[in-house]
């Protein structure tokens, strides 16, 4: 058992996910990245949507190049070489892929290469704008980060999808943490047996009886998960409270403490900035909404990254029986994608 001590070149990695498309992940990722850049930090925004990339549009970049696709196609060796200027000082963009068929279905080896290169990027902040849904690739980009930010709107469907996405990410991470094939099978079976019945802390308690070392590693990933919640398209204080339901769900049913870092109101200024292809912070930088986005960035900047990285334990793999992670489905995504625990929302 080992807790990795060596920090990657990327000083802070923040992934933005949400499960459901249309909740504003890309727009908020872009503007939070601008807010970090305004603080004088070197920021790289990565469009990790492999198939429906559009982050370049938000910066009026008309010809972004192949971006991640160039690495997948072996046209360039280093992900950093695909970065393009955004027009915002201190901020560059690594475009995603959208033109090449099949790029959304990268294999395990390609994905691991991308993840290694993401961690080695020379930047103060790396922002990962993850795609919609709970496919393996999306979940793995999300859990590769230090801080895992979930964007959710107050609609029931958004809460359902966000919870399903978080549950899938947690289950996926626990299976990967187990290391050896035997321990992965133990975790996979325990999660499958408890599907829809037991809360995750109860599942871990059962694993503790069978394998205390495994339990310690799994619990460390829960304790240092680094989840944050950001509400978007908020119209009233009542809707803000609905968004906070996500924190209660994650704590009560998954054991993950997820704090809310902001509630962004619906705004014509935000919509206009998207249509103008200029980030809100550049177009309406003094507006209250822009100030709120900067406050979100400030809260994210307070996360002690070394504490998170050093706290997370991953068990060693056994090369002779290690298997491709793609064969192990995250338990949450084997169910109805939008299911919530019974009586979860009042």
C-alpha atoms as a PDB file:
ATOM      1  CA  UNK A   1       0.000   0.000   0.000  1.00  0.00           C
ATOM      2  CA  UNK A   2       1.329   3.385  -0.920  1.00  0.00           C
ATOM      3  CA  UNK A   3       0.206   7.003  -0.833  1.00  0.00           C
ATOM      4  CA  UNK A   4       1.781   8.844  -3.765  1.00  0.00           C
ATOM      5  CA  UNK A   5       3.937  11.718  -2.560  1.00  0.00           C
ATOM      6  CA  UNK A   6       5.369  12.980  -5.811  1.00  0.00           C
ATOM      7  CA  UNK A   7       3.436  15.904  -7.224  1.00  0.00           C
ATOM      8  CA  UNK A   8       2.849  16.194 -10.941  1.00  0.00           C
ATOM      9  CA  UNK A   9       3.990  19.226 -12.888  1.00  0.00           C
ATOM     10  CA  UNK A  10       0.405  20.439 -12.976  1.00  0.00           C
ATOM     11  CA  UNK A  11       0.088  22.164  -9.611  1.00  0.00           C
ATOM     12  CA  UNK A  12      -3.712  22.025  -9.536  1.00  0.00           C
ATOM     13  CA  UNK A  13      -6.077  19.961 -11.698  1.00  0.00           C
ATOM     14  CA  UNK A  14      -9.789  20.785 -11.642  1.00  0.00           C
ATOM     15  CA  UNK A  15     -12.295  18.663 -13.557  1.00  0.00           C
ATOM     16  CA  UNK A  16     -15.760  19.977 -14.364  1.00  0.00           C
ATOM     17  CA  UNK A  17     -18.508  17.406 -14.918  1.00  0.00           C
ATOM     18  CA  UNK A  18     -22.207  17.015 -14.415  1.00  0.00           C
ATOM     19  CA  UNK A  19     -23.536  14.005 -16.262  1.00  0.00           C
ATOM     20  CA  UNK A  20     -26.182  15.922 -18.199  1.00  0.00           C
ATOM     21  CA  UNK A  21     -25.541  18.091 -21.230  1.00  0.00           C
ATOM     22  CA  UNK A  22     -26.801  21.654 -21.323  1.00  0.00           C
ATOM     23  CA  UNK A  23     -26.121  22.572 -17.699  1.00  0.00           C
ATOM     24  CA  UNK A  24     -23.412  25.081 -18.642  1.00  0.00           C
ATOM     25  CA  UNK A  25     -20.265  23.083 -17.870  1.00  0.00           C
ATOM     26  CA  UNK A  26     -18.230  24.414 -20.777  1.00  0.00           C
ATOM     27  CA  UNK A  27     -19.246  28.046 -20.289  1.00  0.00           C
ATOM     28  CA  UNK A  28     -18.455  27.943 -16.582  1.00  0.00           C
ATOM     29  CA  UNK A  29     -15.198  26.038 -17.170  1.00  0.00           C
ATOM     30  CA  UNK A  30     -14.066  28.727 -19.607  1.00  0.00           C
ATOM     31  CA  UNK A  31     -14.960  31.604 -17.309  1.00  0.00           C
ATOM     32  CA  UNK A  32     -13.449  30.003 -14.204  1.00  0.00           C
ATOM     33  CA  UNK A  33     -10.278  29.420 -16.230  1.00  0.00           C
ATOM     34  CA  UNK A  34     -10.269  33.122 -17.135  1.00  0.00           C
ATOM     35  CA  UNK A  35     -10.706  34.004 -13.456  1.00  0.00           C
ATOM     36  CA  UNK A  36      -7.656  31.933 -12.510  1.00  0.00           C
ATOM     37  CA  UNK A  37      -5.672  33.541 -15.333  1.00  0.00           C
ATOM     38  CA  UNK A  38      -6.638  36.988 -14.053  1.00  0.00           C
ATOM     39  CA  UNK A  39      -4.937  36.044 -10.782  1.00  0.00           C
ATOM     40  CA  UNK A  40      -1.633  35.768 -12.667  1.00  0.00           C
ATOM     41  CA  UNK A  41      -1.613  31.966 -12.753  1.00  0.00           C
ATOM     42  CA  UNK A  42      -0.609  29.951 -15.803  1.00  0.00           C
ATOM     43  CA  UNK A  43      -3.782  28.166 -16.854  1.00  0.00           C
ATOM     44  CA  UNK A  44      -4.451  25.444 -19.423  1.00  0.00           C
ATOM     45  CA  UNK A  45      -8.077  24.702 -20.274  1.00  0.00           C
ATOM     46  CA  UNK A  46      -8.551  21.246 -21.806  1.00  0.00           C
ATOM     47  CA  UNK A  47     -11.665  20.420 -23.775  1.00  0.00           C
ATOM     48  CA  UNK A  48     -11.958  16.786 -22.699  1.00  0.00           C
ATOM     49  CA  UNK A  49     -15.128  16.191 -24.662  1.00  0.00           C
ATOM     50  CA  UNK A  50     -13.895  13.609 -27.159  1.00  0.00           C
ATOM     51  CA  UNK A  51     -16.390  13.921 -29.960  1.00  0.00           C
ATOM     52  CA  UNK A  52     -18.448  17.078 -29.327  1.00  0.00           C
ATOM     53  CA  UNK A  53     -15.783  19.649 -28.508  1.00  0.00           C
ATOM     54  CA  UNK A  54     -16.775  23.315 -28.537  1.00  0.00           C
ATOM     55  CA  UNK A  55     -14.666  25.165 -25.949  1.00  0.00           C
ATOM     56  CA  UNK A  56     -12.738  26.892 -28.752  1.00  0.00           C
ATOM     57  CA  UNK A  57     -15.954  28.584 -29.888  1.00  0.00           C
ATOM     58  CA  UNK A  58     -16.256  30.372 -26.549  1.00  0.00           C
ATOM     59  CA  UNK A  59     -12.962  32.152 -27.304  1.00  0.00           C
ATOM     60  CA  UNK A  60     -13.750  32.843 -30.975  1.00  0.00           C
ATOM     61  CA  UNK A  61     -11.031  30.425 -32.084  1.00  0.00           C
ATOM     62  CA  UNK A  62     -12.173  29.524 -35.588  1.00  0.00           C
ATOM     63  CA  UNK A  63      -9.417  27.070 -36.474  1.00  0.00           C
ATOM     64  CA  UNK A  64      -8.335  25.321 -33.281  1.00  0.00           C
ATOM     65  CA  UNK A  65      -6.406  22.512 -34.941  1.00  0.00           C
ATOM     66  CA  UNK A  66      -6.784  18.862 -33.994  1.00  0.00           C
ATOM     67  CA  UNK A  67      -5.865  19.335 -30.365  1.00  0.00           C
ATOM     68  CA  UNK A  68      -6.161  16.063 -28.478  1.00  0.00           C
ATOM     69  CA  UNK A  69      -6.803  14.320 -31.782  1.00  0.00           C
ATOM     70  CA  UNK A  70      -3.259  15.132 -32.911  1.00  0.00           C
ATOM     71  CA  UNK A  71      -1.895  13.155 -29.959  1.00  0.00           C
ATOM     72  CA  UNK A  72      -4.273  10.261 -30.556  1.00  0.00           C
ATOM     73  CA  UNK A  73      -3.266  10.164 -34.223  1.00  0.00           C
ATOM     74  CA  UNK A  74       0.433  10.414 -33.248  1.00  0.00           C
ATOM     75  CA  UNK A  75       0.913  13.574 -35.264  1.00  0.00           C
ATOM     76  CA  UNK A  76       2.477  15.184 -32.186  1.00  0.00           C
ATOM     77  CA  UNK A  77       4.129  13.480 -29.244  1.00  0.00           C
ATOM     78  CA  UNK A  78       3.243  15.904 -26.447  1.00  0.00           C
ATOM     79  CA  UNK A  79      -0.198  17.140 -25.475  1.00  0.00           C
ATOM     80  CA  UNK A  80       1.299  20.491 -24.476  1.00  0.00           C
ATOM     81  CA  UNK A  81       2.288  21.093 -28.113  1.00  0.00           C
ATOM     82  CA  UNK A  82      -1.380  21.213 -29.152  1.00  0.00           C
ATOM     83  CA  UNK A  83      -2.206  24.219 -26.929  1.00  0.00           C
ATOM     84  CA  UNK A  84      -3.423  27.350 -28.698  1.00  0.00           C
ATOM     85  CA  UNK A  85      -3.702  30.966 -27.457  1.00  0.00           C
ATOM     86  CA  UNK A  86      -7.127  32.111 -26.284  1.00  0.00           C
ATOM     87  CA  UNK A  87      -6.483  35.831 -26.423  1.00  0.00           C
ATOM     88  CA  UNK A  88      -6.634  35.924 -22.623  1.00  0.00           C
ATOM     89  CA  UNK A  89      -3.261  36.509 -20.938  1.00  0.00           C
ATOM     90  CA  UNK A  90      -1.950  33.437 -19.048  1.00  0.00           C
ATOM     91  CA  UNK A  91      -4.628  31.158 -20.560  1.00  0.00           C
ATOM     92  CA  UNK A  92      -4.167  28.604 -23.339  1.00  0.00           C
ATOM     93  CA  UNK A  93      -6.582  25.992 -24.668  1.00  0.00           C
ATOM     94  CA  UNK A  94      -6.007  22.385 -25.637  1.00  0.00           C
ATOM     95  CA  UNK A  95      -8.914  21.745 -28.018  1.00  0.00           C
ATOM     96  CA  UNK A  96     -10.911  18.559 -27.923  1.00  0.00           C
ATOM     97  CA  UNK A  97     -11.889  16.445 -30.907  1.00  0.00           C
ATOM     98  CA  UNK A  98     -15.024  16.616 -32.996  1.00  0.00           C
ATOM     99  CA  UNK A  99     -14.173  16.056 -36.649  1.00  0.00           C
ATOM    100  CA  UNK A 100     -12.598  12.583 -36.709  1.00  0.00           C
ATOM    101  CA  UNK A 101     -14.933   9.550 -36.486  1.00  0.00           C
ATOM    102  CA  UNK A 102     -14.180   7.272 -33.560  1.00  0.00           C
ATOM    103  CA  UNK A 103     -12.228   9.756 -31.479  1.00  0.00           C
ATOM    104  CA  UNK A 104     -14.854   9.545 -28.738  1.00  0.00           C
ATOM    105  CA  UNK A 105     -14.034   5.833 -28.370  1.00  0.00           C
ATOM    106  CA  UNK A 106     -10.358   5.882 -27.486  1.00  0.00           C
ATOM    107  CA  UNK A 107      -8.850   2.696 -26.140  1.00  0.00           C
ATOM    108  CA  UNK A 108      -7.408   2.129 -22.682  1.00  0.00           C
ATOM    109  CA  UNK A 109      -3.805   2.714 -23.742  1.00  0.00           C
ATOM    110  CA  UNK A 110      -4.625   5.989 -25.483  1.00  0.00           C
ATOM    111  CA  UNK A 111      -6.528   7.216 -22.467  1.00  0.00           C
ATOM    112  CA  UNK A 112      -3.739   6.375 -20.039  1.00  0.00           C
ATOM    113  CA  UNK A 113      -1.281   8.236 -22.265  1.00  0.00           C
ATOM    114  CA  UNK A 114      -3.524  11.321 -22.215  1.00  0.00           C
ATOM    115  CA  UNK A 115      -3.971  11.154 -18.448  1.00  0.00           C
ATOM    116  CA  UNK A 116      -0.217  10.909 -17.867  1.00  0.00           C
ATOM    117  CA  UNK A 117       0.419  13.882 -20.111  1.00  0.00           C
ATOM    118  CA  UNK A 118      -2.342  15.920 -18.468  1.00  0.00           C
ATOM    119  CA  UNK A 119      -0.749  15.375 -15.070  1.00  0.00           C
ATOM    120  CA  UNK A 120       2.653  16.408 -16.423  1.00  0.00           C
ATOM    121  CA  UNK A 121       1.527  19.702 -17.968  1.00  0.00           C
ATOM    122  CA  UNK A 122       3.607  22.653 -16.806  1.00  0.00           C
ATOM    123  CA  UNK A 123       0.828  24.871 -15.443  1.00  0.00           C
ATOM    124  CA  UNK A 124      -0.432  26.352 -12.218  1.00  0.00           C
ATOM    125  CA  UNK A 125      -3.990  25.296 -13.028  1.00  0.00           C
ATOM    126  CA  UNK A 126      -5.295  22.702 -15.477  1.00  0.00           C
ATOM    127  CA  UNK A 127      -9.048  22.873 -16.089  1.00  0.00           C
ATOM    128  CA  UNK A 128     -10.653  19.742 -17.558  1.00  0.00           C
ATOM    129  CA  UNK A 129     -13.986  20.393 -19.233  1.00  0.00           C
ATOM    130  CA  UNK A 130     -15.450  16.873 -19.261  1.00  0.00           C
ATOM    131  CA  UNK A 131     -18.093  15.685 -21.686  1.00  0.00           C
ATOM    132  CA  UNK A 132     -21.673  14.777 -20.870  1.00  0.00           C
ATOM    133  CA  UNK A 133     -22.759  11.301 -19.837  1.00  0.00           C
ATOM    134  CA  UNK A 134     -21.118   8.665 -17.673  1.00  0.00           C
ATOM    135  CA  UNK A 135     -19.008   6.736 -20.171  1.00  0.00           C
ATOM    136  CA  UNK A 136     -15.683   5.307 -19.018  1.00  0.00           C
ATOM    137  CA  UNK A 137     -13.627   8.027 -20.681  1.00  0.00           C
ATOM    138  CA  UNK A 138     -15.663  10.832 -19.140  1.00  0.00           C
ATOM    139  CA  UNK A 139     -15.527   9.314 -15.656  1.00  0.00           C
ATOM    140  CA  UNK A 140     -11.785   8.678 -15.884  1.00  0.00           C
ATOM    141  CA  UNK A 141     -11.003  12.255 -16.925  1.00  0.00           C
ATOM    142  CA  UNK A 142     -13.153  13.464 -14.040  1.00  0.00           C
ATOM    143  CA  UNK A 143     -11.548  11.310 -11.338  1.00  0.00           C
ATOM    144  CA  UNK A 144      -8.042  12.081 -12.636  1.00  0.00           C
ATOM    145  CA  UNK A 145      -8.367  15.586 -11.147  1.00  0.00           C
ATOM    146  CA  UNK A 146      -7.538  16.886  -7.699  1.00  0.00           C
ATOM    147  CA  UNK A 147     -10.763  18.887  -7.353  1.00  0.00           C
ATOM    148  CA  UNK A 148     -13.908  17.393  -8.876  1.00  0.00           C
ATOM    149  CA  UNK A 149     -16.497  20.074  -9.610  1.00  0.00           C
ATOM    150  CA  UNK A 150     -20.054  19.067 -10.477  1.00  0.00           C
ATOM    151  CA  UNK A 151     -22.277  21.590 -12.255  1.00  0.00           C
ATOM    152  CA  UNK A 152     -25.987  21.129 -11.616  1.00  0.00           C
ATOM    153  CA  UNK A 153     -29.160  23.072 -12.331  1.00  0.00           C
ATOM    154  CA  UNK A 154     -32.209  23.024 -10.014  1.00  0.00           C
ATOM    155  CA  UNK A 155     -34.266  20.810 -12.346  1.00  0.00           C
ATOM    156  CA  UNK A 156     -34.992  17.306 -11.046  1.00  0.00           C
ATOM    157  CA  UNK A 157     -33.504  15.690 -14.146  1.00  0.00           C
ATOM    158  CA  UNK A 158     -30.255  17.570 -13.627  1.00  0.00           C
ATOM    159  CA  UNK A 159     -30.080  16.499  -9.970  1.00  0.00           C
ATOM    160  CA  UNK A 160     -30.770  12.908 -11.012  1.00  0.00           C
ATOM    161  CA  UNK A 161     -28.070  12.905 -13.664  1.00  0.00           C
ATOM    162  CA  UNK A 162     -25.536  14.708 -11.463  1.00  0.00           C
ATOM    163  CA  UNK A 163     -26.043  12.197  -8.656  1.00  0.00           C
ATOM    164  CA  UNK A 164     -25.806   9.288 -11.096  1.00  0.00           C
ATOM    165  CA  UNK A 165     -22.625  10.778 -12.542  1.00  0.00           C
ATOM    166  CA  UNK A 166     -21.056  11.240  -9.106  1.00  0.00           C
ATOM    167  CA  UNK A 167     -22.037   7.737  -8.040  1.00  0.00           C
ATOM    168  CA  UNK A 168     -20.555   6.289 -11.206  1.00  0.00           C
ATOM    169  CA  UNK A 169     -17.334   8.267 -10.678  1.00  0.00           C
ATOM    170  CA  UNK A 170     -17.025   7.112  -7.058  1.00  0.00           C
ATOM    171  CA  UNK A 171     -17.635   3.466  -7.934  1.00  0.00           C
ATOM    172  CA  UNK A 172     -15.225   3.640 -10.853  1.00  0.00           C
ATOM    173  CA  UNK A 173     -12.543   5.183  -8.626  1.00  0.00           C
ATOM    174  CA  UNK A 174     -12.975   2.542  -5.907  1.00  0.00           C
ATOM    175  CA  UNK A 175     -12.584  -0.283  -8.418  1.00  0.00           C
ATOM    176  CA  UNK A 176      -9.431   1.296  -9.841  1.00  0.00           C
ATOM    177  CA  UNK A 177      -8.045   1.938  -6.349  1.00  0.00           C
ATOM    178  CA  UNK A 178      -8.230  -1.760  -5.457  1.00  0.00           C
ATOM    179  CA  UNK A 179      -5.173  -2.491  -7.612  1.00  0.00           C
ATOM    180  CA  UNK A 180      -5.025  -6.258  -8.129  1.00  0.00           C
ATOM    181  CA  UNK A 181      -7.558  -8.244 -10.107  1.00  0.00           C
ATOM    182  CA  UNK A 182      -8.732 -10.176  -7.036  1.00  0.00           C
ATOM    183  CA  UNK A 183      -9.362  -7.037  -5.012  1.00  0.00           C
ATOM    184  CA  UNK A 184     -11.075  -5.327  -7.960  1.00  0.00           C
ATOM    185  CA  UNK A 185     -13.418  -8.297  -8.230  1.00  0.00           C
ATOM    186  CA  UNK A 186     -14.134  -8.081  -4.500  1.00  0.00           C
ATOM    187  CA  UNK A 187     -15.075  -4.406  -4.773  1.00  0.00           C
ATOM    188  CA  UNK A 188     -17.071  -4.890  -7.981  1.00  0.00           C
ATOM    189  CA  UNK A 189     -19.071  -7.731  -6.449  1.00  0.00           C
ATOM    190  CA  UNK A 190     -19.697  -5.849  -3.203  1.00  0.00           C
ATOM    191  CA  UNK A 191     -21.019  -2.840  -5.109  1.00  0.00           C
ATOM    192  CA  UNK A 192     -23.188  -5.026  -7.348  1.00  0.00           C
ATOM    193  CA  UNK A 193     -24.665  -6.954  -4.402  1.00  0.00           C
ATOM    194  CA  UNK A 194     -25.603  -3.715  -2.635  1.00  0.00           C
ATOM    195  CA  UNK A 195     -27.105  -2.032  -5.690  1.00  0.00           C
ATOM    196  CA  UNK A 196     -30.172  -0.037  -4.689  1.00  0.00           C
ATOM    197  CA  UNK A 197     -30.112  -1.439  -1.144  1.00  0.00           C
ATOM    198  CA  UNK A 198     -27.169  -0.320   0.970  1.00  0.00           C
ATOM    199  CA  UNK A 199     -25.483   3.037   1.305  1.00  0.00           C
ATOM    200  CA  UNK A 200     -21.854   3.072   0.232  1.00  0.00           C
ATOM    201  CA  UNK A 201     -20.479   3.454   3.810  1.00  0.00           C
ATOM    202  CA  UNK A 202     -22.278   0.211   4.663  1.00  0.00           C
ATOM    203  CA  UNK A 203     -20.680  -1.513   1.671  1.00  0.00           C
ATOM    204  CA  UNK A 204     -17.237  -0.354   2.773  1.00  0.00           C
ATOM    205  CA  UNK A 205     -17.906  -1.599   6.304  1.00  0.00           C
ATOM    206  CA  UNK A 206     -18.565  -5.065   4.876  1.00  0.00           C
ATOM    207  CA  UNK A 207     -15.339  -4.914   2.870  1.00  0.00           C
ATOM    208  CA  UNK A 208     -13.468  -3.936   6.030  1.00  0.00           C
ATOM    209  CA  UNK A 209     -14.400  -7.287   7.570  1.00  0.00           C
ATOM    210  CA  UNK A 210     -12.896  -9.125   4.600  1.00  0.00           C
ATOM    211  CA  UNK A 211      -9.853  -6.988   3.783  1.00  0.00           C
ATOM    212  CA  UNK A 212      -8.869  -4.173   6.205  1.00  0.00           C
ATOM    213  CA  UNK A 213      -6.016  -2.980   3.980  1.00  0.00           C
ATOM    214  CA  UNK A 214      -8.336  -2.637   1.008  1.00  0.00           C
ATOM    215  CA  UNK A 215     -10.873  -0.832   3.177  1.00  0.00           C
ATOM    216  CA  UNK A 216      -8.273   1.707   4.272  1.00  0.00           C
ATOM    217  CA  UNK A 217      -7.403   2.525   0.670  1.00  0.00           C
ATOM    218  CA  UNK A 218     -11.045   2.807  -0.405  1.00  0.00           C
ATOM    219  CA  UNK A 219     -11.941   4.964   2.578  1.00  0.00           C
ATOM    220  CA  UNK A 220      -9.041   7.305   1.847  1.00  0.00           C
ATOM    221  CA  UNK A 221     -10.435   7.928  -1.638  1.00  0.00           C
ATOM    222  CA  UNK A 222     -13.820   8.795  -0.134  1.00  0.00           C
ATOM    223  CA  UNK A 223     -12.338  11.015   2.584  1.00  0.00           C
ATOM    224  CA  UNK A 224     -10.167  12.938   0.121  1.00  0.00           C
ATOM    225  CA  UNK A 225     -12.490  12.874  -2.884  1.00  0.00           C
ATOM    226  CA  UNK A 226     -12.413  16.657  -3.312  1.00  0.00           C
ATOM    227  CA  UNK A 227     -15.979  17.059  -4.577  1.00  0.00           C
ATOM    228  CA  UNK A 228     -17.462  20.522  -5.097  1.00  0.00           C
ATOM    229  CA  UNK A 229     -20.901  21.547  -6.336  1.00  0.00           C
ATOM    230  CA  UNK A 230     -21.710  24.570  -8.472  1.00  0.00           C
ATOM    231  CA  UNK A 231     -25.309  25.530  -9.158  1.00  0.00           C
ATOM    232  CA  UNK A 232     -26.166  27.165 -12.475  1.00  0.00           C
ATOM    233  CA  UNK A 233     -29.239  28.813 -14.000  1.00  0.00           C
ATOM    234  CA  UNK A 234     -30.601  29.714 -10.582  1.00  0.00           C
ATOM    235  CA  UNK A 235     -33.752  31.885 -10.486  1.00  0.00           C
ATOM    236  CA  UNK A 236     -34.600  31.975  -6.763  1.00  0.00           C
ATOM    237  CA  UNK A 237     -33.334  31.169  -3.251  1.00  0.00           C
ATOM    238  CA  UNK A 238     -35.635  28.131  -3.318  1.00  0.00           C
ATOM    239  CA  UNK A 239     -33.818  26.779  -6.365  1.00  0.00           C
ATOM    240  CA  UNK A 240     -30.488  27.422  -4.664  1.00  0.00           C
ATOM    241  CA  UNK A 241     -31.644  25.169  -1.817  1.00  0.00           C
ATOM    242  CA  UNK A 242     -32.612  22.480  -4.330  1.00  0.00           C
ATOM    243  CA  UNK A 243     -29.049  22.502  -5.681  1.00  0.00           C
ATOM    244  CA  UNK A 244     -27.744  22.023  -2.154  1.00  0.00           C
ATOM    245  CA  UNK A 245     -29.629  18.713  -2.144  1.00  0.00           C
ATOM    246  CA  UNK A 246     -26.681  17.295  -4.072  1.00  0.00           C
ATOM    247  CA  UNK A 247     -24.433  17.794  -1.075  1.00  0.00           C
ATOM    248  CA  UNK A 248     -26.811  15.919   1.187  1.00  0.00           C
ATOM    249  CA  UNK A 249     -27.234  13.082  -1.294  1.00  0.00           C
ATOM    250  CA  UNK A 250     -23.498  12.627  -1.754  1.00  0.00           C
ATOM    251  CA  UNK A 251     -22.887  12.665   2.001  1.00  0.00           C
ATOM    252  CA  UNK A 252     -25.757  10.407   3.079  1.00  0.00           C
ATOM    253  CA  UNK A 253     -25.614   7.791   0.337  1.00  0.00           C
ATOM    254  CA  UNK A 254     -22.004   7.880  -0.884  1.00  0.00           C
ATOM    255  CA  UNK A 255     -20.136   9.145   2.190  1.00  0.00           C
ATOM    256  CA  UNK A 256     -18.582  11.885   0.039  1.00  0.00           C
ATOM    257  CA  UNK A 257     -18.537  15.395   1.459  1.00  0.00           C
ATOM    258  CA  UNK A 258     -19.293  17.799  -1.380  1.00  0.00           C
ATOM    259  CA  UNK A 259     -19.400  21.498  -0.560  1.00  0.00           C
ATOM    260  CA  UNK A 260     -21.280  24.057  -2.645  1.00  0.00           C
ATOM    261  CA  UNK A 261     -18.957  26.736  -4.039  1.00  0.00           C
ATOM    262  CA  UNK A 262     -21.560  28.915  -5.696  1.00  0.00           C
ATOM    263  CA  UNK A 263     -24.996  29.358  -7.241  1.00  0.00           C
ATOM    264  CA  UNK A 264     -24.830  31.191 -10.555  1.00  0.00           C
ATOM    265  CA  UNK A 265     -28.084  32.966 -11.506  1.00  0.00           C
ATOM    266  CA  UNK A 266     -29.584  32.755 -14.977  1.00  0.00           C
ATOM    267  CA  UNK A 267     -28.334  35.735 -16.949  1.00  0.00           C
ATOM    268  CA  UNK A 268     -28.863  37.319 -20.350  1.00  0.00           C
ATOM    269  CA  UNK A 269     -25.294  38.623 -20.083  1.00  0.00           C
ATOM    270  CA  UNK A 270     -23.950  35.063 -19.932  1.00  0.00           C
ATOM    271  CA  UNK A 271     -26.037  34.014 -22.935  1.00  0.00           C
ATOM    272  CA  UNK A 272     -24.936  37.087 -24.875  1.00  0.00           C
ATOM    273  CA  UNK A 273     -21.284  36.397 -24.138  1.00  0.00           C
ATOM    274  CA  UNK A 274     -21.613  32.882 -25.533  1.00  0.00           C
ATOM    275  CA  UNK A 275     -23.220  34.176 -28.727  1.00  0.00           C
ATOM    276  CA  UNK A 276     -20.512  36.848 -28.986  1.00  0.00           C
ATOM    277  CA  UNK A 277     -17.815  34.177 -28.478  1.00  0.00           C
ATOM    278  CA  UNK A 278     -16.235  36.188 -25.681  1.00  0.00           C
ATOM    279  CA  UNK A 279     -16.022  34.947 -22.062  1.00  0.00           C
ATOM    280  CA  UNK A 280     -18.299  36.836 -19.696  1.00  0.00           C
ATOM    281  CA  UNK A 281     -15.341  37.975 -17.582  1.00  0.00           C
ATOM    282  CA  UNK A 282     -13.847  39.691 -20.629  1.00  0.00           C
ATOM    283  CA  UNK A 283     -17.115  41.079 -21.986  1.00  0.00           C
ATOM    284  CA  UNK A 284     -18.844  42.139 -18.736  1.00  0.00           C
ATOM    285  CA  UNK A 285     -16.010  41.909 -16.231  1.00  0.00           C
ATOM    286  CA  UNK A 286     -17.494  44.320 -13.701  1.00  0.00           C
ATOM    287  CA  UNK A 287     -20.970  42.759 -13.644  1.00  0.00           C
ATOM    288  CA  UNK A 288     -22.121  41.033 -10.409  1.00  0.00           C
ATOM    289  CA  UNK A 289     -22.243  37.721 -12.271  1.00  0.00           C
ATOM    290  CA  UNK A 290     -18.572  38.022 -13.255  1.00  0.00           C
ATOM    291  CA  UNK A 291     -17.709  38.827  -9.655  1.00  0.00           C
ATOM    292  CA  UNK A 292     -19.538  35.669  -8.552  1.00  0.00           C
ATOM    293  CA  UNK A 293     -17.505  33.564 -10.988  1.00  0.00           C
ATOM    294  CA  UNK A 294     -14.311  35.060  -9.587  1.00  0.00           C
ATOM    295  CA  UNK A 295     -15.503  34.167  -6.091  1.00  0.00           C
ATOM    296  CA  UNK A 296     -15.980  30.558  -7.223  1.00  0.00           C
ATOM    297  CA  UNK A 297     -12.409  30.517  -8.529  1.00  0.00           C
ATOM    298  CA  UNK A 298     -11.183  31.965  -5.224  1.00  0.00           C
ATOM    299  CA  UNK A 299     -12.931  29.199  -3.280  1.00  0.00           C
ATOM    300  CA  UNK A 300     -11.495  26.525  -5.565  1.00  0.00           C
ATOM    301  CA  UNK A 301      -8.037  28.064  -5.090  1.00  0.00           C
ATOM    302  CA  UNK A 302      -8.248  27.461  -1.326  1.00  0.00           C
ATOM    303  CA  UNK A 303      -8.256  23.675  -1.760  1.00  0.00           C
ATOM    304  CA  UNK A 304      -5.087  22.165  -0.274  1.00  0.00           C
ATOM    305  CA  UNK A 305      -3.972  20.058  -3.237  1.00  0.00           C
ATOM    306  CA  UNK A 306      -1.014  18.449  -1.478  1.00  0.00           C
ATOM    307  CA  UNK A 307      -3.363  17.343   1.308  1.00  0.00           C
ATOM    308  CA  UNK A 308      -5.674  15.677  -1.206  1.00  0.00           C
ATOM    309  CA  UNK A 309      -2.914  13.990  -3.181  1.00  0.00           C
ATOM    310  CA  UNK A 310      -1.079  12.709  -0.126  1.00  0.00           C
ATOM    311  CA  UNK A 311      -4.280  11.474   1.496  1.00  0.00           C
ATOM    312  CA  UNK A 312      -5.399   9.279  -1.387  1.00  0.00           C
ATOM    313  CA  UNK A 313      -4.119   5.704  -1.218  1.00  0.00           C
ATOM    314  CA  UNK A 314      -3.950   3.427  -4.251  1.00  0.00           C
ATOM    315  CA  UNK A 315      -3.054  -0.222  -3.842  1.00  0.00           C
ATOM    316  CA  UNK A 316      -0.341  -1.720  -6.083  1.00  0.00           C
ATOM    317  CA  UNK A 317      -1.272  -3.674  -9.156  1.00  0.00           C
ATOM    318  CA  UNK A 318      -0.088  -7.220  -9.810  1.00  0.00           C
ATOM    319  CA  UNK A 319       1.172  -7.208 -13.423  1.00  0.00           C
ATOM    320  CA  UNK A 320       0.537 -10.926 -13.804  1.00  0.00           C
ATOM    321  CA  UNK A 321      -3.197 -10.669 -13.131  1.00  0.00           C
ATOM    322  CA  UNK A 322      -3.947  -7.030 -13.873  1.00  0.00           C
ATOM    323  CA  UNK A 323      -6.799  -6.519 -16.328  1.00  0.00           C
ATOM    324  CA  UNK A 324      -7.910  -3.767 -18.629  1.00  0.00           C
ATOM    325  CA  UNK A 325     -10.061  -1.333 -16.652  1.00  0.00           C
ATOM    326  CA  UNK A 326     -12.497  -1.088 -19.557  1.00  0.00           C
ATOM    327  CA  UNK A 327     -13.875  -4.526 -18.672  1.00  0.00           C
ATOM    328  CA  UNK A 328     -15.137  -3.302 -15.302  1.00  0.00           C
ATOM    329  CA  UNK A 329     -18.298  -1.249 -15.605  1.00  0.00           C
ATOM    330  CA  UNK A 330     -19.038   1.346 -12.943  1.00  0.00           C
ATOM    331  CA  UNK A 331     -21.992   0.049 -10.984  1.00  0.00           C
ATOM    332  CA  UNK A 332     -24.050   3.246 -11.140  1.00  0.00           C
ATOM    333  CA  UNK A 333     -24.171   3.295 -14.933  1.00  0.00           C
ATOM    334  CA  UNK A 334     -25.539  -0.247 -15.097  1.00  0.00           C
ATOM    335  CA  UNK A 335     -28.777   1.080 -13.621  1.00  0.00           C
ATOM    336  CA  UNK A 336     -31.182   3.703 -14.836  1.00  0.00           C
ATOM    337  CA  UNK A 337     -28.979   6.715 -15.456  1.00  0.00           C
ATOM    338  CA  UNK A 338     -31.205   9.119 -13.571  1.00  0.00           C
ATOM    339  CA  UNK A 339     -32.221   7.043 -10.531  1.00  0.00           C
ATOM    340  CA  UNK A 340     -32.080   8.607  -7.085  1.00  0.00           C
ATOM    341  CA  UNK A 341     -32.310   6.935  -3.677  1.00  0.00           C
ATOM    342  CA  UNK A 342     -35.883   6.561  -2.537  1.00  0.00           C
ATOM    343  CA  UNK A 343     -37.221   9.732  -0.865  1.00  0.00           C
ATOM    344  CA  UNK A 344     -33.897  11.442  -1.496  1.00  0.00           C
ATOM    345  CA  UNK A 345     -35.418  14.811  -2.428  1.00  0.00           C
ATOM    346  CA  UNK A 346     -38.039  16.392  -0.199  1.00  0.00           C
END
